[in-house]
Amino acid sequence: MLIAALATVVIASCYDGDTCTTTTGERVRLACIDTPELVGKRAEPLPAKAARDHLRGLVVGKKVRIRRITEDRYGRTVAELFIGTRNVQQELVATGHAKIYRRYSYQCPWTEG
């Protein structure tokens, strides 16, 4: 995949460890990963906040490249984000803040292996 050819967006905020909003209002669900939930029946507030804060540190206020894949049932863009040559999702998995979401892992070649 040629990363340089991808569109560029600026991330304005991140709601949790796998959902961000761009400065143009596009809501982005990070593809192929799952992070702990902040609220609800399955909430795990401490690891969820750690994942969110790590993601915010990586992308908020920064220009990132985006590989749009599809749209989810909530109208969010499902996409991979890149900072330079680094894949943001891979970074979250490598640091223990996210797990590969096996149900959708076919969307991201790096998840195989």
PDB file of N, CA and C in Angstrom:
ATOM      1  N   MET A   1       0.842  -1.179   0.000  1.00  0.00           N
ATOM      2  CA  MET A   1       0.000   0.000   0.000  1.00  0.00           C
ATOM      3  C   MET A   1       0.885   1.239   0.000  1.00  0.00           C
ATOM      4  N   LEU A   2       0.549   2.186  -0.833  1.00  0.00           N
ATOM      5  CA  LEU A   2       1.320   3.413  -0.924  1.00  0.00           C
ATOM      6  C   LEU A   2       0.729   4.423   0.058  1.00  0.00           C
ATOM      7  N   ILE A   3       1.365   4.587   1.204  1.00  0.00           N
ATOM      8  CA  ILE A   3       0.837   5.451   2.258  1.00  0.00           C
ATOM      9  C   ILE A   3       0.796   6.911   1.818  1.00  0.00           C
ATOM     10  N   ALA A   4       1.791   7.350   1.072  1.00  0.00           N
ATOM     11  CA  ALA A   4       1.879   8.756   0.674  1.00  0.00           C
ATOM     12  C   ALA A   4       0.674   9.212  -0.140  1.00  0.00           C
ATOM     13  N   ALA A   5      -0.002   8.286  -0.809  1.00  0.00           N
ATOM     14  CA  ALA A   5      -1.116   8.649  -1.675  1.00  0.00           C
ATOM     15  C   ALA A   5      -2.432   8.848  -0.916  1.00  0.00           C
ATOM     16  N   LEU A   6      -2.425   8.583   0.375  1.00  0.00           N
ATOM     17  CA  LEU A   6      -3.659   8.683   1.150  1.00  0.00           C
ATOM     18  C   LEU A   6      -4.029  10.136   1.442  1.00  0.00           C
ATOM     19  N   ALA A   7      -5.318  10.363   1.673  1.00  0.00           N
ATOM     20  CA  ALA A   7      -5.808  11.688   2.047  1.00  0.00           C
ATOM     21  C   ALA A   7      -5.267  12.065   3.426  1.00  0.00           C
ATOM     22  N   THR A   8      -5.230  13.357   3.696  1.00  0.00           N
ATOM     23  CA  THR A   8      -4.760  13.845   4.988  1.00  0.00           C
ATOM     24  C   THR A   8      -5.911  14.533   5.709  1.00  0.00           C
ATOM     25  N   VAL A   9      -6.031  14.259   7.017  1.00  0.00           N
ATOM     26  CA  VAL A   9      -7.027  14.927   7.854  1.00  0.00           C
ATOM     27  C   VAL A   9      -6.324  15.400   9.126  1.00  0.00           C
ATOM     28  N   VAL A  10      -6.974  16.318   9.841  1.00  0.00           N
ATOM     29  CA  VAL A  10      -6.479  16.741  11.152  1.00  0.00           C
ATOM     30  C   VAL A  10      -7.486  16.255  12.185  1.00  0.00           C
ATOM     31  N   ILE A  11      -6.993  15.570  13.205  1.00  0.00           N
ATOM     32  CA  ILE A  11      -7.864  15.032  14.249  1.00  0.00           C
ATOM     33  C   ILE A  11      -8.122  16.116  15.290  1.00  0.00           C
ATOM     34  N   ALA A  12      -9.397  16.401  15.539  1.00  0.00           N
ATOM     35  CA  ALA A  12      -9.781  17.428  16.502  1.00  0.00           C
ATOM     36  C   ALA A  12      -9.910  16.850  17.908  1.00  0.00           C
ATOM     37  N   SER A  13     -10.471  15.630  18.007  1.00  0.00           N
ATOM     38  CA  SER A  13     -10.695  15.032  19.324  1.00  0.00           C
ATOM     39  C   SER A  13     -10.862  13.529  19.187  1.00  0.00           C
ATOM     40  N   CYS A  14     -10.735  12.829  20.320  1.00  0.00           N
ATOM     41  CA  CYS A  14     -10.981  11.389  20.360  1.00  0.00           C
ATOM     42  C   CYS A  14     -11.912  11.122  21.528  1.00  0.00           C
ATOM     43  N   TYR A  15     -13.048  10.513  21.222  1.00  0.00           N
ATOM     44  CA  TYR A  15     -14.050  10.219  22.244  1.00  0.00           C
ATOM     45  C   TYR A  15     -13.575   9.093  23.157  1.00  0.00           C
ATOM     46  N   ASP A  16     -13.010   8.059  22.536  1.00  0.00           N
ATOM     47  CA  ASP A  16     -12.497   6.919  23.295  1.00  0.00           C
ATOM     48  C   ASP A  16     -11.272   6.388  22.571  1.00  0.00           C
ATOM     49  N   GLY A  17     -10.878   5.153  22.847  1.00  0.00           N
ATOM     50  CA  GLY A  17      -9.653   4.618  22.270  1.00  0.00           C
ATOM     51  C   GLY A  17      -9.738   4.202  20.825  1.00  0.00           C
ATOM     52  N   ASP A  18     -10.970   4.200  20.256  1.00  0.00           N
ATOM     53  CA  ASP A  18     -11.073   3.796  18.848  1.00  0.00           C
ATOM     54  C   ASP A  18     -12.041   4.656  18.040  1.00  0.00           C
ATOM     55  N   THR A  19     -12.367   5.855  18.534  1.00  0.00           N
ATOM     56  CA  THR A  19     -13.251   6.772  17.807  1.00  0.00           C
ATOM     57  C   THR A  19     -12.729   8.200  17.914  1.00  0.00           C
ATOM     58  N   CYS A  20     -12.497   8.831  16.762  1.00  0.00           N
ATOM     59  CA  CYS A  20     -12.010  10.213  16.723  1.00  0.00           C
ATOM     60  C   CYS A  20     -12.885  11.045  15.795  1.00  0.00           C
ATOM     61  N   THR A  21     -12.741  12.357  15.900  1.00  0.00           N
ATOM     62  CA  THR A  21     -13.440  13.295  15.021  1.00  0.00           C
ATOM     63  C   THR A  21     -12.402  14.211  14.388  1.00  0.00           C
ATOM     64  N   THR A  22     -12.564  14.449  13.086  1.00  0.00           N
ATOM     65  CA  THR A  22     -11.641  15.343  12.376  1.00  0.00           C
ATOM     66  C   THR A  22     -12.097  16.787  12.554  1.00  0.00           C
ATOM     67  N   THR A  23     -11.235  17.726  12.147  1.00  0.00           N
ATOM     68  CA  THR A  23     -11.580  19.144  12.239  1.00  0.00           C
ATOM     69  C   THR A  23     -12.733  19.512  11.316  1.00  0.00           C
ATOM     70  N   THR A  24     -13.047  18.636  10.336  1.00  0.00           N
ATOM     71  CA  THR A  24     -14.185  18.902   9.450  1.00  0.00           C
ATOM     72  C   THR A  24     -15.457  18.209   9.946  1.00  0.00           C
ATOM     73  N   GLY A  25     -15.374  17.537  11.102  1.00  0.00           N
ATOM     74  CA  GLY A  25     -16.559  16.902  11.678  1.00  0.00           C
ATOM     75  C   GLY A  25     -16.767  15.449  11.288  1.00  0.00           C
ATOM     76  N   GLU A  26     -15.859  14.888  10.495  1.00  0.00           N
ATOM     77  CA  GLU A  26     -15.973  13.471  10.117  1.00  0.00           C
ATOM     78  C   GLU A  26     -15.659  12.609  11.340  1.00  0.00           C
ATOM     79  N   ARG A  27     -16.586  11.713  11.670  1.00  0.00           N
ATOM     80  CA  ARG A  27     -16.355  10.787  12.784  1.00  0.00           C
ATOM     81  C   ARG A  27     -15.684   9.533  12.239  1.00  0.00           C
ATOM     82  N   VAL A  28     -14.568   9.151  12.866  1.00  0.00           N
ATOM     83  CA  VAL A  28     -13.751   8.043  12.365  1.00  0.00           C
ATOM     84  C   VAL A  28     -13.667   6.944  13.423  1.00  0.00           C
ATOM     85  N   ARG A  29     -14.079   5.743  13.022  1.00  0.00           N
ATOM     86  CA  ARG A  29     -13.936   4.549  13.866  1.00  0.00           C
ATOM     87  C   ARG A  29     -12.689   3.841  13.379  1.00  0.00           C
ATOM     88  N   LEU A  30     -11.701   3.680  14.262  1.00  0.00           N
ATOM     89  CA  LEU A  30     -10.461   3.029  13.866  1.00  0.00           C
ATOM     90  C   LEU A  30     -10.722   1.574  13.512  1.00  0.00           C
ATOM     91  N   ALA A  31     -10.344   1.201  12.304  1.00  0.00           N
ATOM     92  CA  ALA A  31     -10.617  -0.140  11.774  1.00  0.00           C
ATOM     93  C   ALA A  31      -9.774  -1.197  12.477  1.00  0.00           C
ATOM     94  N   CYS A  32     -10.357  -2.392  12.583  1.00  0.00           N
ATOM     95  CA  CYS A  32      -9.629  -3.619  12.933  1.00  0.00           C
ATOM     96  C   CYS A  32      -9.182  -3.721  14.384  1.00  0.00           C
ATOM     97  N   ILE A  33      -9.525  -2.737  15.222  1.00  0.00           N
ATOM     98  CA  ILE A  33      -9.156  -2.842  16.632  1.00  0.00           C
ATOM     99  C   ILE A  33     -10.374  -2.618  17.516  1.00  0.00           C
ATOM    100  N   ASP A  34     -10.244  -3.047  18.764  1.00  0.00           N
ATOM    101  CA  ASP A  34     -11.270  -2.815  19.767  1.00  0.00           C
ATOM    102  C   ASP A  34     -10.559  -2.396  21.041  1.00  0.00           C
ATOM    103  N   THR A  35     -11.090  -1.360  21.692  1.00  0.00           N
ATOM    104  CA  THR A  35     -10.530  -0.902  22.955  1.00  0.00           C
ATOM    105  C   THR A  35     -11.607  -0.999  24.031  1.00  0.00           C
ATOM    106  N   PRO A  36     -11.211  -0.993  25.305  1.00  0.00           N
ATOM    107  CA  PRO A  36     -12.203  -1.089  26.381  1.00  0.00           C
ATOM    108  C   PRO A  36     -13.231   0.041  26.301  1.00  0.00           C
ATOM    109  N   GLU A  37     -14.446  -0.247  26.760  1.00  0.00           N
ATOM    110  CA  GLU A  37     -15.543   0.728  26.717  1.00  0.00           C
ATOM    111  C   GLU A  37     -15.479   1.687  27.904  1.00  0.00           C
ATOM    112  N   LEU A  38     -15.819   2.952  27.661  1.00  0.00           N
ATOM    113  CA  LEU A  38     -15.865   3.967  28.718  1.00  0.00           C
ATOM    114  C   LEU A  38     -17.139   3.862  29.545  1.00  0.00           C
ATOM    115  N   VAL A  39     -18.270   3.591  28.875  1.00  0.00           N
ATOM    116  CA  VAL A  39     -19.566   3.537  29.562  1.00  0.00           C
ATOM    117  C   VAL A  39     -20.339   2.309  29.105  1.00  0.00           C
ATOM    118  N   GLY A  40     -21.397   1.987  29.854  1.00  0.00           N
ATOM    119  CA  GLY A  40     -22.246   0.860  29.473  1.00  0.00           C
ATOM    120  C   GLY A  40     -22.001  -0.360  30.349  1.00  0.00           C
ATOM    121  N   LYS A  41     -22.691  -1.436  29.987  1.00  0.00           N
ATOM    122  CA  LYS A  41     -22.618  -2.674  30.781  1.00  0.00           C
ATOM    123  C   LYS A  41     -21.224  -3.283  30.803  1.00  0.00           C
ATOM    124  N   ARG A  42     -20.494  -3.115  29.699  1.00  0.00           N
ATOM    125  CA  ARG A  42     -19.160  -3.724  29.606  1.00  0.00           C
ATOM    126  C   ARG A  42     -18.051  -2.708  29.870  1.00  0.00           C
ATOM    127  N   ALA A  43     -18.386  -1.625  30.547  1.00  0.00           N
ATOM    128  CA  ALA A  43     -17.422  -0.542  30.771  1.00  0.00           C
ATOM    129  C   ALA A  43     -16.240  -1.002  31.623  1.00  0.00           C
ATOM    130  N   GLU A  44     -15.070  -0.549  31.195  1.00  0.00           N
ATOM    131  CA  GLU A  44     -13.823  -0.735  31.947  1.00  0.00           C
ATOM    132  C   GLU A  44     -13.148   0.637  31.951  1.00  0.00           C
ATOM    133  N   PRO A  45     -13.615   1.530  32.842  1.00  0.00           N
ATOM    134  CA  PRO A  45     -13.190   2.937  32.778  1.00  0.00           C
ATOM    135  C   PRO A  45     -11.680   3.187  32.814  1.00  0.00           C
ATOM    136  N   LEU A  46     -10.940   2.492  33.655  1.00  0.00           N
ATOM    137  CA  LEU A  46      -9.505   2.789  33.748  1.00  0.00           C
ATOM    138  C   LEU A  46      -8.741   2.436  32.475  1.00  0.00           C
ATOM    139  N   PRO A  47      -8.827   1.184  31.957  1.00  0.00           N
ATOM    140  CA  PRO A  47      -8.120   0.923  30.701  1.00  0.00           C
ATOM    141  C   PRO A  47      -8.708   1.698  29.526  1.00  0.00           C
ATOM    142  N   ALA A  48     -10.008   2.000  29.572  1.00  0.00           N
ATOM    143  CA  ALA A  48     -10.629   2.774  28.493  1.00  0.00           C
ATOM    144  C   ALA A  48     -10.050   4.186  28.447  1.00  0.00           C
ATOM    145  N   LYS A  49      -9.899   4.821  29.612  1.00  0.00           N
ATOM    146  CA  LYS A  49      -9.328   6.172  29.659  1.00  0.00           C
ATOM    147  C   LYS A  49      -7.859   6.149  29.244  1.00  0.00           C
ATOM    148  N   ALA A  50      -7.138   5.099  29.637  1.00  0.00           N
ATOM    149  CA  ALA A  50      -5.724   4.980  29.254  1.00  0.00           C
ATOM    150  C   ALA A  50      -5.601   4.875  27.737  1.00  0.00           C
ATOM    151  N   ALA A  51      -6.469   4.061  27.111  1.00  0.00           N
ATOM    152  CA  ALA A  51      -6.448   3.911  25.648  1.00  0.00           C
ATOM    153  C   ALA A  51      -6.798   5.236  24.976  1.00  0.00           C
ATOM    154  N   ARG A  52      -7.843   5.892  25.471  1.00  0.00           N
ATOM    155  CA  ARG A  52      -8.265   7.182  24.897  1.00  0.00           C
ATOM    156  C   ARG A  52      -7.146   8.214  25.011  1.00  0.00           C
ATOM    157  N   ASP A  53      -6.535   8.288  26.186  1.00  0.00           N
ATOM    158  CA  ASP A  53      -5.498   9.295  26.396  1.00  0.00           C
ATOM    159  C   ASP A  53      -4.257   9.015  25.537  1.00  0.00           C
ATOM    160  N   HIS A  54      -3.926   7.739  25.374  1.00  0.00           N
ATOM    161  CA  HIS A  54      -2.789   7.377  24.513  1.00  0.00           C
ATOM    162  C   HIS A  54      -3.091   7.777  23.062  1.00  0.00           C
ATOM    163  N   LEU A  55      -4.298   7.465  22.602  1.00  0.00           N
ATOM    164  CA  LEU A  55      -4.690   7.824  21.243  1.00  0.00           C
ATOM    165  C   LEU A  55      -4.684   9.335  21.065  1.00  0.00           C
ATOM    166  N   ARG A  56      -5.228  10.059  22.034  1.00  0.00           N
ATOM    167  CA  ARG A  56      -5.221  11.527  21.950  1.00  0.00           C
ATOM    168  C   ARG A  56      -3.797  12.064  21.814  1.00  0.00           C
ATOM    169  N   GLY A  57      -2.885  11.492  22.601  1.00  0.00           N
ATOM    170  CA  GLY A  57      -1.489  11.923  22.536  1.00  0.00           C
ATOM    171  C   GLY A  57      -0.859  11.685  21.173  1.00  0.00           C
ATOM    172  N   LEU A  58      -1.296  10.621  20.507  1.00  0.00           N
ATOM    173  CA  LEU A  58      -0.758  10.284  19.193  1.00  0.00           C
ATOM    174  C   LEU A  58      -1.295  11.189  18.084  1.00  0.00           C
ATOM    175  N   VAL A  59      -2.607  11.506  18.117  1.00  0.00           N
ATOM    176  CA  VAL A  59      -3.225  12.093  16.927  1.00  0.00           C
ATOM    177  C   VAL A  59      -3.898  13.460  17.074  1.00  0.00           C
ATOM    178  N   VAL A  60      -4.339  13.838  18.266  1.00  0.00           N
ATOM    179  CA  VAL A  60      -5.117  15.086  18.379  1.00  0.00           C
ATOM    180  C   VAL A  60      -4.266  16.301  18.015  1.00  0.00           C
ATOM    181  N   GLY A  61      -4.820  17.111  17.119  1.00  0.00           N
ATOM    182  CA  GLY A  61      -4.150  18.321  16.660  1.00  0.00           C
ATOM    183  C   GLY A  61      -3.114  18.060  15.578  1.00  0.00           C
ATOM    184  N   LYS A  62      -3.007  16.806  15.153  1.00  0.00           N
ATOM    185  CA  LYS A  62      -1.992  16.451  14.163  1.00  0.00           C
ATOM    186  C   LYS A  62      -2.628  16.118  12.822  1.00  0.00           C
ATOM    187  N   LYS A  63      -1.823  16.330  11.778  1.00  0.00           N
ATOM    188  CA  LYS A  63      -2.197  15.891  10.438  1.00  0.00           C
ATOM    189  C   LYS A  63      -1.887  14.415  10.350  1.00  0.00           C
ATOM    190  N   VAL A  64      -2.877  13.624  10.022  1.00  0.00           N
ATOM    191  CA  VAL A  64      -2.662  12.184   9.859  1.00  0.00           C
ATOM    192  C   VAL A  64      -3.185  11.774   8.490  1.00  0.00           C
ATOM    193  N   ARG A  65      -2.638  10.698   7.967  1.00  0.00           N
ATOM    194  CA  ARG A  65      -3.153  10.157   6.716  1.00  0.00           C
ATOM    195  C   ARG A  65      -4.220   9.137   7.057  1.00  0.00           C
ATOM    196  N   ILE A  66      -5.211   9.057   6.199  1.00  0.00           N
ATOM    197  CA  ILE A  66      -6.374   8.212   6.458  1.00  0.00           C
ATOM    198  C   ILE A  66      -6.628   7.280   5.271  1.00  0.00           C
ATOM    199  N   ARG A  67      -6.855   6.015   5.590  1.00  0.00           N
ATOM    200  CA  ARG A  67      -7.281   5.044   4.570  1.00  0.00           C
ATOM    201  C   ARG A  67      -8.717   4.665   4.899  1.00  0.00           C
ATOM    202  N   ARG A  68      -9.655   5.294   4.189  1.00  0.00           N
ATOM    203  CA  ARG A  68     -11.076   5.031   4.428  1.00  0.00           C
ATOM    204  C   ARG A  68     -11.441   3.666   3.863  1.00  0.00           C
ATOM    205  N   ILE A  69     -12.164   2.860   4.655  1.00  0.00           N
ATOM    206  CA  ILE A  69     -12.504   1.498   4.256  1.00  0.00           C
ATOM    207  C   ILE A  69     -13.995   1.361   3.970  1.00  0.00           C
ATOM    208  N   THR A  70     -14.824   1.816   4.910  1.00  0.00           N
ATOM    209  CA  THR A  70     -16.282   1.687   4.764  1.00  0.00           C
ATOM    210  C   THR A  70     -16.947   2.639   5.748  1.00  0.00           C
ATOM    211  N   GLU A  71     -18.247   2.510   5.889  1.00  0.00           N
ATOM    212  CA  GLU A  71     -18.989   3.288   6.881  1.00  0.00           C
ATOM    213  C   GLU A  71     -19.709   2.294   7.780  1.00  0.00           C
ATOM    214  N   ASP A  72     -19.753   2.564   9.095  1.00  0.00           N
ATOM    215  CA  ASP A  72     -20.425   1.631   9.998  1.00  0.00           C
ATOM    216  C   ASP A  72     -21.892   2.013  10.190  1.00  0.00           C
ATOM    217  N   ARG A  73     -22.598   1.222  10.982  1.00  0.00           N
ATOM    218  CA  ARG A  73     -24.045   1.429  11.152  1.00  0.00           C
ATOM    219  C   ARG A  73     -24.385   2.729  11.882  1.00  0.00           C
ATOM    220  N   TYR A  74     -23.383   3.367  12.480  1.00  0.00           N
ATOM    221  CA  TYR A  74     -23.591   4.650  13.156  1.00  0.00           C
ATOM    222  C   TYR A  74     -23.207   5.837  12.275  1.00  0.00           C
ATOM    223  N   GLY A  75     -22.873   5.566  11.014  1.00  0.00           N
ATOM    224  CA  GLY A  75     -22.512   6.638  10.088  1.00  0.00           C
ATOM    225  C   GLY A  75     -21.076   7.102  10.207  1.00  0.00           C
ATOM    226  N   ARG A  76     -20.265   6.364  10.973  1.00  0.00           N
ATOM    227  CA  ARG A  76     -18.858   6.739  11.114  1.00  0.00           C
ATOM    228  C   ARG A  76     -18.043   6.144   9.963  1.00  0.00           C
ATOM    229  N   THR A  77     -16.998   6.858   9.580  1.00  0.00           N
ATOM    230  CA  THR A  77     -16.053   6.330   8.609  1.00  0.00           C
ATOM    231  C   THR A  77     -15.179   5.306   9.317  1.00  0.00           C
ATOM    232  N   VAL A  78     -15.113   4.105   8.790  1.00  0.00           N
ATOM    233  CA  VAL A  78     -14.198   3.094   9.318  1.00  0.00           C
ATOM    234  C   VAL A  78     -12.904   3.236   8.526  1.00  0.00           C
ATOM    235  N   ALA A  79     -11.794   3.472   9.233  1.00  0.00           N
ATOM    236  CA  ALA A  79     -10.552   3.801   8.537  1.00  0.00           C
ATOM    237  C   ALA A  79      -9.326   3.443   9.359  1.00  0.00           C
ATOM    238  N   GLU A  80      -8.210   3.388   8.657  1.00  0.00           N
ATOM    239  CA  GLU A  80      -6.911   3.273   9.307  1.00  0.00           C
ATOM    240  C   GLU A  80      -6.274   4.655   9.298  1.00  0.00           C
ATOM    241  N   LEU A  81      -5.570   4.987  10.371  1.00  0.00           N
ATOM    242  CA  LEU A  81      -4.861   6.257  10.465  1.00  0.00           C
ATOM    243  C   LEU A  81      -3.360   5.998  10.492  1.00  0.00           C
ATOM    244  N   PHE A  82      -2.614   6.915   9.885  1.00  0.00           N
ATOM    245  CA  PHE A  82      -1.161   6.802   9.831  1.00  0.00           C
ATOM    246  C   PHE A  82      -0.518   8.123  10.208  1.00  0.00           C
ATOM    247  N   ILE A  83       0.537   8.031  11.024  1.00  0.00           N
ATOM    248  CA  ILE A  83       1.384   9.185  11.340  1.00  0.00           C
ATOM    249  C   ILE A  83       2.738   8.848  10.740  1.00  0.00           C
ATOM    250  N   GLY A  84       3.121   9.558   9.716  1.00  0.00           N
ATOM    251  CA  GLY A  84       4.326   9.170   8.987  1.00  0.00           C
ATOM    252  C   GLY A  84       4.096   7.784   8.409  1.00  0.00           C
ATOM    253  N   THR A  85       4.984   6.853   8.717  1.00  0.00           N
ATOM    254  CA  THR A  85       4.789   5.484   8.238  1.00  0.00           C
ATOM    255  C   THR A  85       4.172   4.598   9.316  1.00  0.00           C
ATOM    256  N   ARG A  86       3.906   5.165  10.504  1.00  0.00           N
ATOM    257  CA  ARG A  86       3.351   4.384  11.615  1.00  0.00           C
ATOM    258  C   ARG A  86       1.841   4.234  11.495  1.00  0.00           C
ATOM    259  N   ASN A  87       1.372   3.013  11.645  1.00  0.00           N
ATOM    260  CA  ASN A  87      -0.059   2.726  11.651  1.00  0.00           C
ATOM    261  C   ASN A  87      -0.551   2.926  13.085  1.00  0.00           C
ATOM    262  N   VAL A  88      -1.503   3.823  13.284  1.00  0.00           N
ATOM    263  CA  VAL A  88      -1.983   4.161  14.626  1.00  0.00           C
ATOM    264  C   VAL A  88      -2.606   2.940  15.310  1.00  0.00           C
ATOM    265  N   GLN A  89      -3.368   2.145  14.561  1.00  0.00           N
ATOM    266  CA  GLN A  89      -3.980   0.957  15.155  1.00  0.00           C
ATOM    267  C   GLN A  89      -2.923  -0.027  15.633  1.00  0.00           C
ATOM    268  N   GLN A  90      -1.906  -0.274  14.826  1.00  0.00           N
ATOM    269  CA  GLN A  90      -0.838  -1.192  15.218  1.00  0.00           C
ATOM    270  C   GLN A  90      -0.153  -0.692  16.489  1.00  0.00           C
ATOM    271  N   GLU A  91       0.025   0.606  16.581  1.00  0.00           N
ATOM    272  CA  GLU A  91       0.643   1.222  17.760  1.00  0.00           C
ATOM    273  C   GLU A  91      -0.206   0.953  19.010  1.00  0.00           C
ATOM    274  N   LEU A  92      -1.523   1.095  18.887  1.00  0.00           N
ATOM    275  CA  LEU A  92      -2.410   0.858  20.035  1.00  0.00           C
ATOM    276  C   LEU A  92      -2.380  -0.604  20.471  1.00  0.00           C
ATOM    277  N   VAL A  93      -2.308  -1.517  19.513  1.00  0.00           N
ATOM    278  CA  VAL A  93      -2.217  -2.951  19.839  1.00  0.00           C
ATOM    279  C   VAL A  93      -0.860  -3.237  20.489  1.00  0.00           C
ATOM    280  N   ALA A  94       0.205  -2.696  19.909  1.00  0.00           N
ATOM    281  CA  ALA A  94       1.565  -2.955  20.407  1.00  0.00           C
ATOM    282  C   ALA A  94       1.754  -2.452  21.833  1.00  0.00           C
ATOM    283  N   THR A  95       1.073  -1.360  22.187  1.00  0.00           N
ATOM    284  CA  THR A  95       1.219  -0.795  23.534  1.00  0.00           C
ATOM    285  C   THR A  95       0.216  -1.386  24.520  1.00  0.00           C
ATOM    286  N   GLY A  96      -0.603  -2.323  24.055  1.00  0.00           N
ATOM    287  CA  GLY A  96      -1.550  -2.989  24.953  1.00  0.00           C
ATOM    288  C   GLY A  96      -2.842  -2.233  25.198  1.00  0.00           C
ATOM    289  N   HIS A  97      -3.070  -1.150  24.461  1.00  0.00           N
ATOM    290  CA  HIS A  97      -4.285  -0.361  24.644  1.00  0.00           C
ATOM    291  C   HIS A  97      -5.465  -0.883  23.833  1.00  0.00           C
ATOM    292  N   ALA A  98      -5.200  -1.767  22.860  1.00  0.00           N
ATOM    293  CA  ALA A  98      -6.257  -2.289  21.989  1.00  0.00           C
ATOM    294  C   ALA A  98      -5.977  -3.750  21.660  1.00  0.00           C
ATOM    295  N   LYS A  99      -7.030  -4.419  21.243  1.00  0.00           N
ATOM    296  CA  LYS A  99      -6.910  -5.787  20.737  1.00  0.00           C
ATOM    297  C   LYS A  99      -7.329  -5.769  19.269  1.00  0.00           C
ATOM    298  N   ILE A 100      -6.806  -6.722  18.516  1.00  0.00           N
ATOM    299  CA  ILE A 100      -7.264  -6.867  17.140  1.00  0.00           C
ATOM    300  C   ILE A 100      -8.709  -7.354  17.191  1.00  0.00           C
ATOM    301  N   TYR A 101      -9.577  -6.696  16.455  1.00  0.00           N
ATOM    302  CA  TYR A 101     -11.003  -7.048  16.404  1.00  0.00           C
ATOM    303  C   TYR A 101     -11.144  -8.090  15.298  1.00  0.00           C
ATOM    304  N   ARG A 102     -11.078  -9.355  15.687  1.00  0.00           N
ATOM    305  CA  ARG A 102     -11.014 -10.453  14.713  1.00  0.00           C
ATOM    306  C   ARG A 102     -12.177 -10.452  13.721  1.00  0.00           C
ATOM    307  N   ARG A 103     -13.352 -10.037  14.182  1.00  0.00           N
ATOM    308  CA  ARG A 103     -14.524 -10.039  13.297  1.00  0.00           C
ATOM    309  C   ARG A 103     -14.311  -9.173  12.058  1.00  0.00           C
ATOM    310  N   TYR A 104     -13.527  -8.110  12.219  1.00  0.00           N
ATOM    311  CA  TYR A 104     -13.304  -7.179  11.108  1.00  0.00           C
ATOM    312  C   TYR A 104     -11.846  -7.114  10.669  1.00  0.00           C
ATOM    313  N   SER A 105     -11.013  -8.023  11.147  1.00  0.00           N
ATOM    314  CA  SER A 105      -9.580  -7.925  10.884  1.00  0.00           C
ATOM    315  C   SER A 105      -9.228  -8.099   9.405  1.00  0.00           C
ATOM    316  N   TYR A 106     -10.140  -8.710   8.646  1.00  0.00           N
ATOM    317  CA  TYR A 106      -9.877  -8.886   7.206  1.00  0.00           C
ATOM    318  C   TYR A 106      -9.704  -7.538   6.496  1.00  0.00           C
ATOM    319  N   GLN A 107     -10.164  -6.453   7.111  1.00  0.00           N
ATOM    320  CA  GLN A 107     -10.064  -5.128   6.493  1.00  0.00           C
ATOM    321  C   GLN A 107      -8.644  -4.556   6.549  1.00  0.00           C
ATOM    322  N   CYS A 108      -7.793  -5.142   7.385  1.00  0.00           N
ATOM    323  CA  CYS A 108      -6.444  -4.608   7.574  1.00  0.00           C
ATOM    324  C   CYS A 108      -5.409  -5.715   7.381  1.00  0.00           C
ATOM    325  N   PRO A 109      -4.601  -5.625   6.335  1.00  0.00           N
ATOM    326  CA  PRO A 109      -3.621  -6.668   6.042  1.00  0.00           C
ATOM    327  C   PRO A 109      -2.650  -6.958   7.192  1.00  0.00           C
ATOM    328  N   TRP A 110      -2.297  -5.959   7.988  1.00  0.00           N
ATOM    329  CA  TRP A 110      -1.318  -6.149   9.066  1.00  0.00           C
ATOM    330  C   TRP A 110      -1.811  -7.079  10.171  1.00  0.00           C
ATOM    331  N   THR A 111      -3.106  -7.362  10.247  1.00  0.00           N
ATOM    332  CA  THR A 111      -3.637  -8.199  11.328  1.00  0.00           C
ATOM    333  C   THR A 111      -3.396  -9.680  11.098  1.00  0.00           C
ATOM    334  N   GLU A 112      -3.028 -10.046   9.887  1.00  0.00           N
ATOM    335  CA  GLU A 112      -2.806 -11.453   9.582  1.00  0.00           C
ATOM    336  C   GLU A 112      -1.413 -11.876  10.038  1.00  0.00           C
ATOM    337  N   GLY A 113      -1.393 -12.948  10.816  1.00  0.00           N
ATOM    338  CA  GLY A 113      -0.077 -13.417  11.224  1.00  0.00           C
ATOM    339  C   GLY A 113      -0.007 -13.806  12.667  1.00  0.00           C
TER     340      GLY A 113
END
